[in-house]
Protein backbone atom coordinates (compact mmCIF):
# COMPACT_ATOMS: atom_id res chain seq x y z
CA UNK A 1 0.00 0.00 0.00
CA UNK A 2 2.81 2.44 0.88
CA UNK A 3 4.50 1.89 -2.51
CA UNK A 4 1.27 2.84 -4.30
CA UNK A 5 1.00 6.07 -2.32
CA UNK A 6 4.64 6.89 -3.03
CA UNK A 7 4.19 6.21 -6.75
CA UNK A 8 1.05 8.36 -6.95
CA UNK A 9 2.83 11.22 -5.17
CA UNK A 10 5.51 11.34 -7.84
CA UNK A 11 8.18 10.30 -5.33
CA UNK A 12 8.59 6.80 -6.78
CA UNK A 13 12.24 7.45 -7.54
CA UNK A 14 12.92 7.41 -3.81
CA UNK A 15 11.98 3.73 -3.52
CA UNK A 16 15.02 2.77 -5.57
CA UNK A 17 17.23 5.15 -3.60
CA UNK A 18 17.09 3.12 -0.41
CA UNK A 19 19.92 3.64 2.07
CA UNK A 20 20.44 -0.13 2.28
CA UNK A 21 21.22 -0.33 -1.43
CA UNK A 22 23.97 2.30 -1.37
CA UNK A 23 27.56 2.43 -0.18
CA UNK A 24 27.29 3.03 3.58
CA UNK A 25 30.89 4.21 3.77
CA UNK A 26 30.19 6.91 1.22
CA UNK A 27 27.13 8.05 3.17
CA UNK A 28 29.13 8.17 6.40
CA UNK A 29 31.82 10.27 4.72
CA UNK A 30 29.29 12.79 3.43
CA UNK A 31 27.53 12.93 6.81
CA UNK A 32 30.85 13.76 8.49
CA UNK A 33 31.49 16.57 6.01
CA UNK A 34 27.97 18.09 6.27
CA UNK A 35 27.77 21.40 8.12
CA UNK A 36 24.21 22.21 9.17
CA UNK A 37 24.98 25.87 9.86
CA UNK A 38 25.94 26.51 6.20
CA UNK A 39 23.84 23.70 4.65
CA UNK A 40 26.85 22.58 2.64
CA UNK A 41 29.41 19.80 2.36
CA UNK A 42 32.96 20.89 3.20
CA UNK A 43 35.28 18.90 0.94
CA UNK A 44 39.05 19.10 0.54
CA UNK A 45 38.69 20.81 -2.84
CA UNK A 46 35.94 23.31 -1.89
CA UNK A 47 32.51 23.78 -0.37
CA UNK A 48 29.62 22.10 -2.18
CA UNK A 49 25.90 22.84 -1.81
CA UNK A 50 22.91 20.84 -3.04
CA UNK A 51 20.37 22.68 -5.18
CA UNK A 52 16.80 21.83 -6.17
CA UNK A 53 18.13 21.13 -9.67
CA UNK A 54 20.50 18.52 -8.18
CA UNK A 55 17.63 16.85 -6.31
CA UNK A 56 15.47 16.86 -9.43
CA UNK A 57 18.24 15.36 -11.55
CA UNK A 58 19.42 12.71 -9.08
CA UNK A 59 16.01 11.53 -7.82
CA UNK A 60 14.00 12.25 -10.97
CA UNK A 61 11.59 14.44 -9.01
CA UNK A 62 9.79 17.41 -10.46
CA UNK A 63 10.56 20.70 -8.76
CA UNK A 64 7.85 22.51 -10.74
CA UNK A 65 4.25 22.87 -9.62
CA UNK A 66 2.45 22.07 -6.39
CA UNK A 67 3.42 18.81 -4.65
CA UNK A 68 0.20 18.40 -2.70
CA UNK A 69 -3.03 20.16 -1.87
CA UNK A 70 -3.91 21.58 1.52
CA UNK A 71 -7.18 21.46 3.38
CA UNK A 72 -8.35 24.19 5.70
CA UNK A 73 -8.86 22.78 9.19
CA UNK A 74 -10.90 24.11 12.05
CA UNK A 75 -8.79 24.89 15.12
CA UNK A 76 -10.30 22.00 17.13
CA UNK A 77 -9.48 19.44 14.39
CA UNK A 78 -6.00 20.89 13.87
CA UNK A 79 -5.27 20.70 17.60
CA UNK A 80 -6.47 17.08 17.73
CA UNK A 81 -4.20 16.15 14.79
CA UNK A 82 -1.19 17.84 16.38
CA UNK A 83 -1.74 16.06 19.69
CA UNK A 84 -2.48 12.61 18.23
CA UNK A 85 -0.15 12.50 15.24
CA UNK A 86 2.82 14.55 16.39
CA UNK A 87 2.43 14.07 20.16
CA UNK A 88 2.47 17.81 20.74
CA UNK A 89 1.34 19.08 24.15
CA UNK A 90 -2.38 19.99 23.98
CA UNK A 91 -1.82 23.43 25.53
CA UNK A 92 0.95 24.30 23.06
CA UNK A 93 -1.11 22.99 20.14
CA UNK A 94 -4.14 25.03 21.22
CA UNK A 95 -2.02 28.19 21.52
CA UNK A 96 -0.46 27.70 18.07
CA UNK A 97 -3.74 26.92 16.29
CA UNK A 98 -5.39 29.99 17.87
CA UNK A 99 -2.44 32.11 16.73
CA UNK A 100 -2.67 30.78 13.16
PDB file of N, CA and C in Angstrom:
ATOM      1  N   UNK A   1       0.820  -1.195   0.000  1.00  0.00           N
ATOM      2  CA  UNK A   1       0.000   0.000   0.000  1.00  0.00           C
ATOM      3  C   UNK A   1       0.864   1.260   0.000  1.00  0.00           C
ATOM      4  N   UNK A   2       1.949   1.257   0.807  1.00  0.00           N
ATOM      5  CA  UNK A   2       2.809   2.437   0.882  1.00  0.00           C
ATOM      6  C   UNK A   2       3.459   2.728  -0.464  1.00  0.00           C
ATOM      7  N   UNK A   3       3.867   1.673  -1.209  1.00  0.00           N
ATOM      8  CA  UNK A   3       4.498   1.889  -2.509  1.00  0.00           C
ATOM      9  C   UNK A   3       3.547   2.563  -3.480  1.00  0.00           C
ATOM     10  N   UNK A   4       2.266   2.220  -3.417  1.00  0.00           N
ATOM     11  CA  UNK A   4       1.272   2.842  -4.302  1.00  0.00           C
ATOM     12  C   UNK A   4       1.163   4.330  -3.993  1.00  0.00           C
ATOM     13  N   UNK A   5       1.092   4.663  -2.723  1.00  0.00           N
ATOM     14  CA  UNK A   5       1.003   6.071  -2.315  1.00  0.00           C
ATOM     15  C   UNK A   5       2.236   6.836  -2.776  1.00  0.00           C
ATOM     16  N   UNK A   6       3.398   6.236  -2.612  1.00  0.00           N
ATOM     17  CA  UNK A   6       4.641   6.889  -3.034  1.00  0.00           C
ATOM     18  C   UNK A   6       4.641   7.091  -4.541  1.00  0.00           C
ATOM     19  N   UNK A   7       4.225   6.097  -5.293  1.00  0.00           N
ATOM     20  CA  UNK A   7       4.193   6.212  -6.753  1.00  0.00           C
ATOM     21  C   UNK A   7       3.227   7.306  -7.197  1.00  0.00           C
ATOM     22  N   UNK A   8       2.040   7.352  -6.583  1.00  0.00           N
ATOM     23  CA  UNK A   8       1.045   8.357  -6.951  1.00  0.00           C
ATOM     24  C   UNK A   8       1.504   9.771  -6.595  1.00  0.00           C
ATOM     25  N   UNK A   9       2.340   9.903  -5.581  1.00  0.00           N
ATOM     26  CA  UNK A   9       2.827  11.219  -5.169  1.00  0.00           C
ATOM     27  C   UNK A   9       3.893  11.763  -6.106  1.00  0.00           C
ATOM     28  N   UNK A  10       4.424  10.907  -6.973  1.00  0.00           N
ATOM     29  CA  UNK A  10       5.514  11.338  -7.838  1.00  0.00           C
ATOM     30  C   UNK A  10       6.879  11.138  -7.219  1.00  0.00           C
ATOM     31  N   UNK A  11       6.923  10.528  -6.032  1.00  0.00           N
ATOM     32  CA  UNK A  11       8.184  10.301  -5.333  1.00  0.00           C
ATOM     33  C   UNK A  11       8.695   8.877  -5.517  1.00  0.00           C
ATOM     34  N   UNK A  12       8.216   8.186  -6.549  1.00  0.00           N
ATOM     35  CA  UNK A  12       8.589   6.797  -6.777  1.00  0.00           C
ATOM     36  C   UNK A  12      10.080   6.571  -6.919  1.00  0.00           C
ATOM     37  N   UNK A  13      10.794   7.575  -7.395  1.00  0.00           N
ATOM     38  CA  UNK A  13      12.239   7.448  -7.537  1.00  0.00           C
ATOM     39  C   UNK A  13      12.944   7.209  -6.218  1.00  0.00           C
ATOM     40  N   UNK A  14      12.311   7.596  -5.121  1.00  0.00           N
ATOM     41  CA  UNK A  14      12.924   7.411  -3.810  1.00  0.00           C
ATOM     42  C   UNK A  14      12.943   5.951  -3.374  1.00  0.00           C
ATOM     43  N   UNK A  15      12.018   5.147  -3.903  1.00  0.00           N
ATOM     44  CA  UNK A  15      11.982   3.733  -3.522  1.00  0.00           C
ATOM     45  C   UNK A  15      13.283   3.050  -3.920  1.00  0.00           C
ATOM     46  N   UNK A  16      13.775   3.369  -5.095  1.00  0.00           N
ATOM     47  CA  UNK A  16      15.018   2.771  -5.567  1.00  0.00           C
ATOM     48  C   UNK A  16      16.258   3.388  -4.949  1.00  0.00           C
ATOM     49  N   UNK A  17      16.092   4.475  -4.215  1.00  0.00           N
ATOM     50  CA  UNK A  17      17.227   5.155  -3.602  1.00  0.00           C
ATOM     51  C   UNK A  17      17.342   4.805  -2.126  1.00  0.00           C
ATOM     52  N   UNK A  18      17.056   3.570  -1.802  1.00  0.00           N
ATOM     53  CA  UNK A  18      17.091   3.124  -0.414  1.00  0.00           C
ATOM     54  C   UNK A  18      18.504   3.174   0.139  1.00  0.00           C
ATOM     55  N   UNK A  19      18.622   3.573   1.395  1.00  0.00           N
ATOM     56  CA  UNK A  19      19.916   3.645   2.073  1.00  0.00           C
ATOM     57  C   UNK A  19      20.606   2.287   2.061  1.00  0.00           C
ATOM     58  N   UNK A  20      19.859   1.203   2.218  1.00  0.00           N
ATOM     59  CA  UNK A  20      20.439  -0.135   2.279  1.00  0.00           C
ATOM     60  C   UNK A  20      21.108  -0.552   0.969  1.00  0.00           C
ATOM     61  N   UNK A  21      20.704   0.063  -0.123  1.00  0.00           N
ATOM     62  CA  UNK A  21      21.223  -0.329  -1.426  1.00  0.00           C
ATOM     63  C   UNK A  21      22.452   0.473  -1.833  1.00  0.00           C
ATOM     64  N   UNK A  22      22.860   1.421  -1.025  1.00  0.00           N
ATOM     65  CA  UNK A  22      23.973   2.303  -1.375  1.00  0.00           C
ATOM     66  C   UNK A  22      25.203   1.991  -0.530  1.00  0.00           C
ATOM     67  N   UNK A  23      26.298   2.600  -0.882  1.00  0.00           N
ATOM     68  CA  UNK A  23      27.558   2.425  -0.180  1.00  0.00           C
ATOM     69  C   UNK A  23      27.499   3.163   1.160  1.00  0.00           C
ATOM     70  N   UNK A  24      27.424   2.414   2.255  1.00  0.00           N
ATOM     71  CA  UNK A  24      27.288   3.025   3.579  1.00  0.00           C
ATOM     72  C   UNK A  24      28.521   3.849   3.949  1.00  0.00           C
ATOM     73  N   UNK A  25      29.680   3.444   3.502  1.00  0.00           N
ATOM     74  CA  UNK A  25      30.894   4.213   3.772  1.00  0.00           C
ATOM     75  C   UNK A  25      30.846   5.585   3.133  1.00  0.00           C
ATOM     76  N   UNK A  26      30.330   5.634   1.920  1.00  0.00           N
ATOM     77  CA  UNK A  26      30.189   6.909   1.220  1.00  0.00           C
ATOM     78  C   UNK A  26      29.222   7.820   1.964  1.00  0.00           C
ATOM     79  N   UNK A  27      28.085   7.263   2.400  1.00  0.00           N
ATOM     80  CA  UNK A  27      27.128   8.055   3.168  1.00  0.00           C
ATOM     81  C   UNK A  27      27.765   8.594   4.443  1.00  0.00           C
ATOM     82  N   UNK A  28      28.495   7.746   5.154  1.00  0.00           N
ATOM     83  CA  UNK A  28      29.135   8.174   6.397  1.00  0.00           C
ATOM     84  C   UNK A  28      30.118   9.315   6.145  1.00  0.00           C
ATOM     85  N   UNK A  29      30.858   9.233   5.064  1.00  0.00           N
ATOM     86  CA  UNK A  29      31.819  10.275   4.719  1.00  0.00           C
ATOM     87  C   UNK A  29      31.112  11.599   4.465  1.00  0.00           C
ATOM     88  N   UNK A  30      30.016  11.552   3.700  1.00  0.00           N
ATOM     89  CA  UNK A  30      29.286  12.787   3.432  1.00  0.00           C
ATOM     90  C   UNK A  30      28.640  13.339   4.695  1.00  0.00           C
ATOM     91  N   UNK A  31      28.132  12.476   5.549  1.00  0.00           N
ATOM     92  CA  UNK A  31      27.533  12.933   6.809  1.00  0.00           C
ATOM     93  C   UNK A  31      28.570  13.660   7.655  1.00  0.00           C
ATOM     94  N   UNK A  32      29.795  13.138   7.705  1.00  0.00           N
ATOM     95  CA  UNK A  32      30.846  13.763   8.491  1.00  0.00           C
ATOM     96  C   UNK A  32      31.239  15.131   7.933  1.00  0.00           C
ATOM     97  N   UNK A  33      31.079  15.316   6.644  1.00  0.00           N
ATOM     98  CA  UNK A  33      31.486  16.575   6.011  1.00  0.00           C
ATOM     99  C   UNK A  33      30.349  17.585   5.890  1.00  0.00           C
ATOM    100  N   UNK A  34      29.132  17.203   6.337  1.00  0.00           N
ATOM    101  CA  UNK A  34      27.972  18.093   6.273  1.00  0.00           C
ATOM    102  C   UNK A  34      28.013  19.097   7.421  1.00  0.00           C
ATOM    103  N   UNK A  35      27.814  20.353   7.106  1.00  0.00           N
ATOM    104  CA  UNK A  35      27.768  21.402   8.119  1.00  0.00           C
ATOM    105  C   UNK A  35      26.379  22.026   8.085  1.00  0.00           C
ATOM    106  N   UNK A  36      25.598  21.759   9.120  1.00  0.00           N
ATOM    107  CA  UNK A  36      24.208  22.208   9.167  1.00  0.00           C
ATOM    108  C   UNK A  36      24.088  23.731   9.197  1.00  0.00           C
ATOM    109  N   UNK A  37      25.070  24.403   9.775  1.00  0.00           N
ATOM    110  CA  UNK A  37      24.981  25.865   9.862  1.00  0.00           C
ATOM    111  C   UNK A  37      25.074  26.531   8.489  1.00  0.00           C
ATOM    112  N   UNK A  38      25.807  25.934   7.550  1.00  0.00           N
ATOM    113  CA  UNK A  38      25.936  26.508   6.204  1.00  0.00           C
ATOM    114  C   UNK A  38      25.144  25.720   5.157  1.00  0.00           C
ATOM    115  N   UNK A  39      24.577  24.578   5.561  1.00  0.00           N
ATOM    116  CA  UNK A  39      23.844  23.697   4.645  1.00  0.00           C
ATOM    117  C   UNK A  39      24.698  23.339   3.433  1.00  0.00           C
ATOM    118  N   UNK A  40      25.917  22.915   3.717  1.00  0.00           N
ATOM    119  CA  UNK A  40      26.849  22.580   2.645  1.00  0.00           C
ATOM    120  C   UNK A  40      27.788  21.466   3.096  1.00  0.00           C
ATOM    121  N   UNK A  41      28.367  20.797   2.102  1.00  0.00           N
ATOM    122  CA  UNK A  41      29.409  19.803   2.359  1.00  0.00           C
ATOM    123  C   UNK A  41      30.752  20.518   2.258  1.00  0.00           C
ATOM    124  N   UNK A  42      31.624  20.293   3.226  1.00  0.00           N
ATOM    125  CA  UNK A  42      32.959  20.891   3.202  1.00  0.00           C
ATOM    126  C   UNK A  42      33.945  19.803   2.769  1.00  0.00           C
ATOM    127  N   UNK A  43      34.372  19.885   1.523  1.00  0.00           N
ATOM    128  CA  UNK A  43      35.283  18.899   0.944  1.00  0.00           C
ATOM    129  C   UNK A  43      36.684  19.485   0.856  1.00  0.00           C
ATOM    130  N   UNK A  44      37.658  18.634   0.602  1.00  0.00           N
ATOM    131  CA  UNK A  44      39.048  19.103   0.544  1.00  0.00           C
ATOM    132  C   UNK A  44      39.281  20.062  -0.626  1.00  0.00           C
ATOM    133  N   UNK A  45      38.492  19.945  -1.680  1.00  0.00           N
ATOM    134  CA  UNK A  45      38.692  20.815  -2.840  1.00  0.00           C
ATOM    135  C   UNK A  45      37.933  22.131  -2.739  1.00  0.00           C
ATOM    136  N   UNK A  46      36.735  22.095  -2.093  1.00  0.00           N
ATOM    137  CA  UNK A  46      35.945  23.307  -1.892  1.00  0.00           C
ATOM    138  C   UNK A  46      34.640  22.959  -1.191  1.00  0.00           C
ATOM    139  N   UNK A  47      33.819  23.964  -0.962  1.00  0.00           N
ATOM    140  CA  UNK A  47      32.509  23.775  -0.366  1.00  0.00           C
ATOM    141  C   UNK A  47      31.505  23.429  -1.465  1.00  0.00           C
ATOM    142  N   UNK A  48      30.599  22.513  -1.181  1.00  0.00           N
ATOM    143  CA  UNK A  48      29.616  22.100  -2.180  1.00  0.00           C
ATOM    144  C   UNK A  48      28.218  22.149  -1.570  1.00  0.00           C
ATOM    145  N   UNK A  49      27.284  22.791  -2.259  1.00  0.00           N
ATOM    146  CA  UNK A  49      25.899  22.836  -1.805  1.00  0.00           C
ATOM    147  C   UNK A  49      25.030  22.012  -2.746  1.00  0.00           C
ATOM    148  N   UNK A  50      23.869  21.599  -2.237  1.00  0.00           N
ATOM    149  CA  UNK A  50      22.908  20.842  -3.040  1.00  0.00           C
ATOM    150  C   UNK A  50      21.777  21.783  -3.422  1.00  0.00           C
ATOM    151  N   UNK A  51      21.438  21.814  -4.702  1.00  0.00           N
ATOM    152  CA  UNK A  51      20.369  22.685  -5.176  1.00  0.00           C
ATOM    153  C   UNK A  51      19.136  21.859  -5.520  1.00  0.00           C
ATOM    154  N   UNK A  52      18.009  22.527  -5.738  1.00  0.00           N
ATOM    155  CA  UNK A  52      16.804  21.827  -6.174  1.00  0.00           C
ATOM    156  C   UNK A  52      17.022  21.151  -7.527  1.00  0.00           C
ATOM    157  N   UNK A  53      17.824  21.760  -8.385  1.00  0.00           N
ATOM    158  CA  UNK A  53      18.134  21.126  -9.674  1.00  0.00           C
ATOM    159  C   UNK A  53      18.878  19.805  -9.466  1.00  0.00           C
ATOM    160  N   UNK A  54      19.788  19.763  -8.493  1.00  0.00           N
ATOM    161  CA  UNK A  54      20.499  18.523  -8.176  1.00  0.00           C
ATOM    162  C   UNK A  54      19.527  17.444  -7.717  1.00  0.00           C
ATOM    163  N   UNK A  55      18.627  17.810  -6.816  1.00  0.00           N
ATOM    164  CA  UNK A  55      17.631  16.853  -6.311  1.00  0.00           C
ATOM    165  C   UNK A  55      16.767  16.346  -7.452  1.00  0.00           C
ATOM    166  N   UNK A  56      16.316  17.244  -8.294  1.00  0.00           N
ATOM    167  CA  UNK A  56      15.475  16.864  -9.428  1.00  0.00           C
ATOM    168  C   UNK A  56      16.208  15.898 -10.358  1.00  0.00           C
ATOM    169  N   UNK A  57      17.459  16.196 -10.646  1.00  0.00           N
ATOM    170  CA  UNK A  57      18.243  15.361 -11.552  1.00  0.00           C
ATOM    171  C   UNK A  57      18.556  13.989 -10.950  1.00  0.00           C
ATOM    172  N   UNK A  58      18.999  13.963  -9.708  1.00  0.00           N
ATOM    173  CA  UNK A  58      19.421  12.711  -9.084  1.00  0.00           C
ATOM    174  C   UNK A  58      18.258  11.787  -8.737  1.00  0.00           C
ATOM    175  N   UNK A  59      17.142  12.347  -8.265  1.00  0.00           N
ATOM    176  CA  UNK A  59      16.015  11.531  -7.815  1.00  0.00           C
ATOM    177  C   UNK A  59      14.864  11.504  -8.810  1.00  0.00           C
ATOM    178  N   UNK A  60      15.033  12.208  -9.933  1.00  0.00           N
ATOM    179  CA  UNK A  60      13.997  12.255 -10.973  1.00  0.00           C
ATOM    180  C   UNK A  60      12.678  12.759 -10.412  1.00  0.00           C
ATOM    181  N   UNK A  61      12.759  13.816  -9.594  1.00  0.00           N
ATOM    182  CA  UNK A  61      11.586  14.440  -9.011  1.00  0.00           C
ATOM    183  C   UNK A  61      11.363  15.794  -9.663  1.00  0.00           C
ATOM    184  N   UNK A  62      10.113  16.109  -9.899  1.00  0.00           N
ATOM    185  CA  UNK A  62       9.793  17.412 -10.462  1.00  0.00           C
ATOM    186  C   UNK A  62       9.880  18.474  -9.375  1.00  0.00           C
ATOM    187  N   UNK A  63      10.496  19.592  -9.700  1.00  0.00           N
ATOM    188  CA  UNK A  63      10.557  20.704  -8.757  1.00  0.00           C
ATOM    189  C   UNK A  63       9.653  21.835  -9.233  1.00  0.00           C
ATOM    190  N   UNK A  64       8.764  21.521 -10.177  1.00  0.00           N
ATOM    191  CA  UNK A  64       7.847  22.508 -10.736  1.00  0.00           C
ATOM    192  C   UNK A  64       6.430  22.137 -10.325  1.00  0.00           C
ATOM    193  N   UNK A  65       5.645  23.115  -9.965  1.00  0.00           N
ATOM    194  CA  UNK A  65       4.252  22.868  -9.619  1.00  0.00           C
ATOM    195  C   UNK A  65       4.063  22.590  -8.140  1.00  0.00           C
ATOM    196  N   UNK A  66       2.818  22.312  -7.779  1.00  0.00           N
ATOM    197  CA  UNK A  66       2.452  22.072  -6.393  1.00  0.00           C
ATOM    198  C   UNK A  66       2.547  20.584  -6.094  1.00  0.00           C
ATOM    199  N   UNK A  67       3.241  20.211  -5.013  1.00  0.00           N
ATOM    200  CA  UNK A  67       3.422  18.809  -4.654  1.00  0.00           C
ATOM    201  C   UNK A  67       2.147  18.196  -4.105  1.00  0.00           C
ATOM    202  N   UNK A  68       1.437  18.937  -3.285  1.00  0.00           N
ATOM    203  CA  UNK A  68       0.199  18.403  -2.703  1.00  0.00           C
ATOM    204  C   UNK A  68      -0.775  19.542  -2.454  1.00  0.00           C
ATOM    205  N   UNK A  69      -2.013  19.164  -2.179  1.00  0.00           N
ATOM    206  CA  UNK A  69      -3.030  20.159  -1.869  1.00  0.00           C
ATOM    207  C   UNK A  69      -3.205  20.250  -0.364  1.00  0.00           C
ATOM    208  N   UNK A  70      -3.726  21.349   0.095  1.00  0.00           N
ATOM    209  CA  UNK A  70      -3.908  21.580   1.522  1.00  0.00           C
ATOM    210  C   UNK A  70      -5.383  21.797   1.817  1.00  0.00           C
ATOM    211  N   UNK A  71      -5.816  21.267   2.925  1.00  0.00           N
ATOM    212  CA  UNK A  71      -7.180  21.459   3.377  1.00  0.00           C
ATOM    213  C   UNK A  71      -7.184  22.457   4.530  1.00  0.00           C
ATOM    214  N   UNK A  72      -8.201  23.277   4.573  1.00  0.00           N
ATOM    215  CA  UNK A  72      -8.353  24.191   5.695  1.00  0.00           C
ATOM    216  C   UNK A  72      -8.975  23.416   6.849  1.00  0.00           C
ATOM    217  N   UNK A  73      -8.367  23.494   8.011  1.00  0.00           N
ATOM    218  CA  UNK A  73      -8.859  22.781   9.187  1.00  0.00           C
ATOM    219  C   UNK A  73      -9.392  23.763  10.214  1.00  0.00           C
ATOM    220  N   UNK A  74     -10.432  23.352  10.900  1.00  0.00           N
ATOM    221  CA  UNK A  74     -10.904  24.111  12.052  1.00  0.00           C
ATOM    222  C   UNK A  74      -9.875  23.948  13.161  1.00  0.00           C
ATOM    223  N   UNK A  75      -9.795  24.910  14.057  1.00  0.00           N
ATOM    224  CA  UNK A  75      -8.792  24.892  15.124  1.00  0.00           C
ATOM    225  C   UNK A  75      -8.901  23.637  15.988  1.00  0.00           C
ATOM    226  N   UNK A  76     -10.114  23.184  16.278  1.00  0.00           N
ATOM    227  CA  UNK A  76     -10.302  21.998  17.125  1.00  0.00           C
ATOM    228  C   UNK A  76      -9.719  20.766  16.445  1.00  0.00           C
ATOM    229  N   UNK A  77      -9.994  20.599  15.150  1.00  0.00           N
ATOM    230  CA  UNK A  77      -9.482  19.441  14.388  1.00  0.00           C
ATOM    231  C   UNK A  77      -7.958  19.520  14.254  1.00  0.00           C
ATOM    232  N   UNK A  78      -7.444  20.713  14.005  1.00  0.00           N
ATOM    233  CA  UNK A  78      -5.997  20.886  13.871  1.00  0.00           C
ATOM    234  C   UNK A  78      -5.288  20.548  15.176  1.00  0.00           C
ATOM    235  N   UNK A  79      -5.852  20.998  16.291  1.00  0.00           N
ATOM    236  CA  UNK A  79      -5.274  20.695  17.596  1.00  0.00           C
ATOM    237  C   UNK A  79      -5.260  19.197  17.849  1.00  0.00           C
ATOM    238  N   UNK A  80      -6.371  18.533  17.531  1.00  0.00           N
ATOM    239  CA  UNK A  80      -6.471  17.082  17.726  1.00  0.00           C
ATOM    240  C   UNK A  80      -5.407  16.355  16.895  1.00  0.00           C
ATOM    241  N   UNK A  81      -5.216  16.778  15.654  1.00  0.00           N
ATOM    242  CA  UNK A  81      -4.205  16.153  14.792  1.00  0.00           C
ATOM    243  C   UNK A  81      -2.792  16.363  15.338  1.00  0.00           C
ATOM    244  N   UNK A  82      -2.508  17.566  15.815  1.00  0.00           N
ATOM    245  CA  UNK A  82      -1.187  17.837  16.377  1.00  0.00           C
ATOM    246  C   UNK A  82      -0.912  16.969  17.595  1.00  0.00           C
ATOM    247  N   UNK A  83      -1.907  16.840  18.457  1.00  0.00           N
ATOM    248  CA  UNK A  83      -1.737  16.055  19.686  1.00  0.00           C
ATOM    249  C   UNK A  83      -1.600  14.568  19.371  1.00  0.00           C
ATOM    250  N   UNK A  84      -2.472  14.044  18.512  1.00  0.00           N
ATOM    251  CA  UNK A  84      -2.481  12.608  18.232  1.00  0.00           C
ATOM    252  C   UNK A  84      -1.355  12.175  17.295  1.00  0.00           C
ATOM    253  N   UNK A  85      -1.125  12.926  16.249  1.00  0.00           N
ATOM    254  CA  UNK A  85      -0.152  12.501  15.240  1.00  0.00           C
ATOM    255  C   UNK A  85       1.281  12.873  15.586  1.00  0.00           C
ATOM    256  N   UNK A  86       1.468  14.069  16.119  1.00  0.00           N
ATOM    257  CA  UNK A  86       2.822  14.553  16.387  1.00  0.00           C
ATOM    258  C   UNK A  86       3.179  14.556  17.867  1.00  0.00           C
ATOM    259  N   UNK A  87       2.226  14.145  18.710  1.00  0.00           N
ATOM    260  CA  UNK A  87       2.428  14.067  20.160  1.00  0.00           C
ATOM    261  C   UNK A  87       2.846  15.416  20.759  1.00  0.00           C
ATOM    262  N   UNK A  88       2.227  16.472  20.234  1.00  0.00           N
ATOM    263  CA  UNK A  88       2.468  17.812  20.742  1.00  0.00           C
ATOM    264  C   UNK A  88       1.598  18.022  21.981  1.00  0.00           C
ATOM    265  N   UNK A  89       2.104  18.761  22.947  1.00  0.00           N
ATOM    266  CA  UNK A  89       1.342  19.081  24.149  1.00  0.00           C
ATOM    267  C   UNK A  89       0.055  19.814  23.753  1.00  0.00           C
ATOM    268  N   UNK A  90      -1.092  19.405  24.346  1.00  0.00           N
ATOM    269  CA  UNK A  90      -2.383  19.986  23.980  1.00  0.00           C
ATOM    270  C   UNK A  90      -2.405  21.505  24.187  1.00  0.00           C
ATOM    271  N   UNK A  91      -1.833  21.989  25.271  1.00  0.00           N
ATOM    272  CA  UNK A  91      -1.819  23.428  25.532  1.00  0.00           C
ATOM    273  C   UNK A  91      -1.043  24.187  24.461  1.00  0.00           C
ATOM    274  N   UNK A  92       0.126  23.657  24.108  1.00  0.00           N
ATOM    275  CA  UNK A  92       0.946  24.304  23.060  1.00  0.00           C
ATOM    276  C   UNK A  92       0.231  24.250  21.722  1.00  0.00           C
ATOM    277  N   UNK A  93      -0.394  23.130  21.413  1.00  0.00           N
ATOM    278  CA  UNK A  93      -1.114  22.986  20.139  1.00  0.00           C
ATOM    279  C   UNK A  93      -2.283  23.963  20.079  1.00  0.00           C
ATOM    280  N   UNK A  94      -3.010  24.102  21.170  1.00  0.00           N
ATOM    281  CA  UNK A  94      -4.136  25.030  21.216  1.00  0.00           C
ATOM    282  C   UNK A  94      -3.654  26.468  21.009  1.00  0.00           C
ATOM    283  N   UNK A  95      -2.583  26.846  21.660  1.00  0.00           N
ATOM    284  CA  UNK A  95      -2.024  28.189  21.522  1.00  0.00           C
ATOM    285  C   UNK A  95      -1.617  28.457  20.080  1.00  0.00           C
ATOM    286  N   UNK A  96      -0.923  27.510  19.458  1.00  0.00           N
ATOM    287  CA  UNK A  96      -0.457  27.700  18.070  1.00  0.00           C
ATOM    288  C   UNK A  96      -1.616  27.782  17.088  1.00  0.00           C
ATOM    289  N   UNK A  97      -2.617  26.911  17.246  1.00  0.00           N
ATOM    290  CA  UNK A  97      -3.738  26.920  16.294  1.00  0.00           C
ATOM    291  C   UNK A  97      -4.554  28.197  16.457  1.00  0.00           C
ATOM    292  N   UNK A  98      -4.689  28.707  17.669  1.00  0.00           N
ATOM    293  CA  UNK A  98      -5.394  29.985  17.868  1.00  0.00           C
ATOM    294  C   UNK A  98      -4.613  31.131  17.221  1.00  0.00           C
ATOM    295  N   UNK A  99      -3.296  31.074  17.322  1.00  0.00           N
ATOM    296  CA  UNK A  99      -2.444  32.113  16.732  1.00  0.00           C
ATOM    297  C   UNK A  99      -2.549  32.107  15.203  1.00  0.00           C
ATOM    298  N   UNK A 100      -2.602  30.915  14.629  1.00  0.00           N
ATOM    299  CA  UNK A 100      -2.671  30.784  13.157  1.00  0.00           C
ATOM    300  C   UNK A 100      -4.038  31.156  12.639  1.00  0.00           C
TER     301      UNK A 100
END
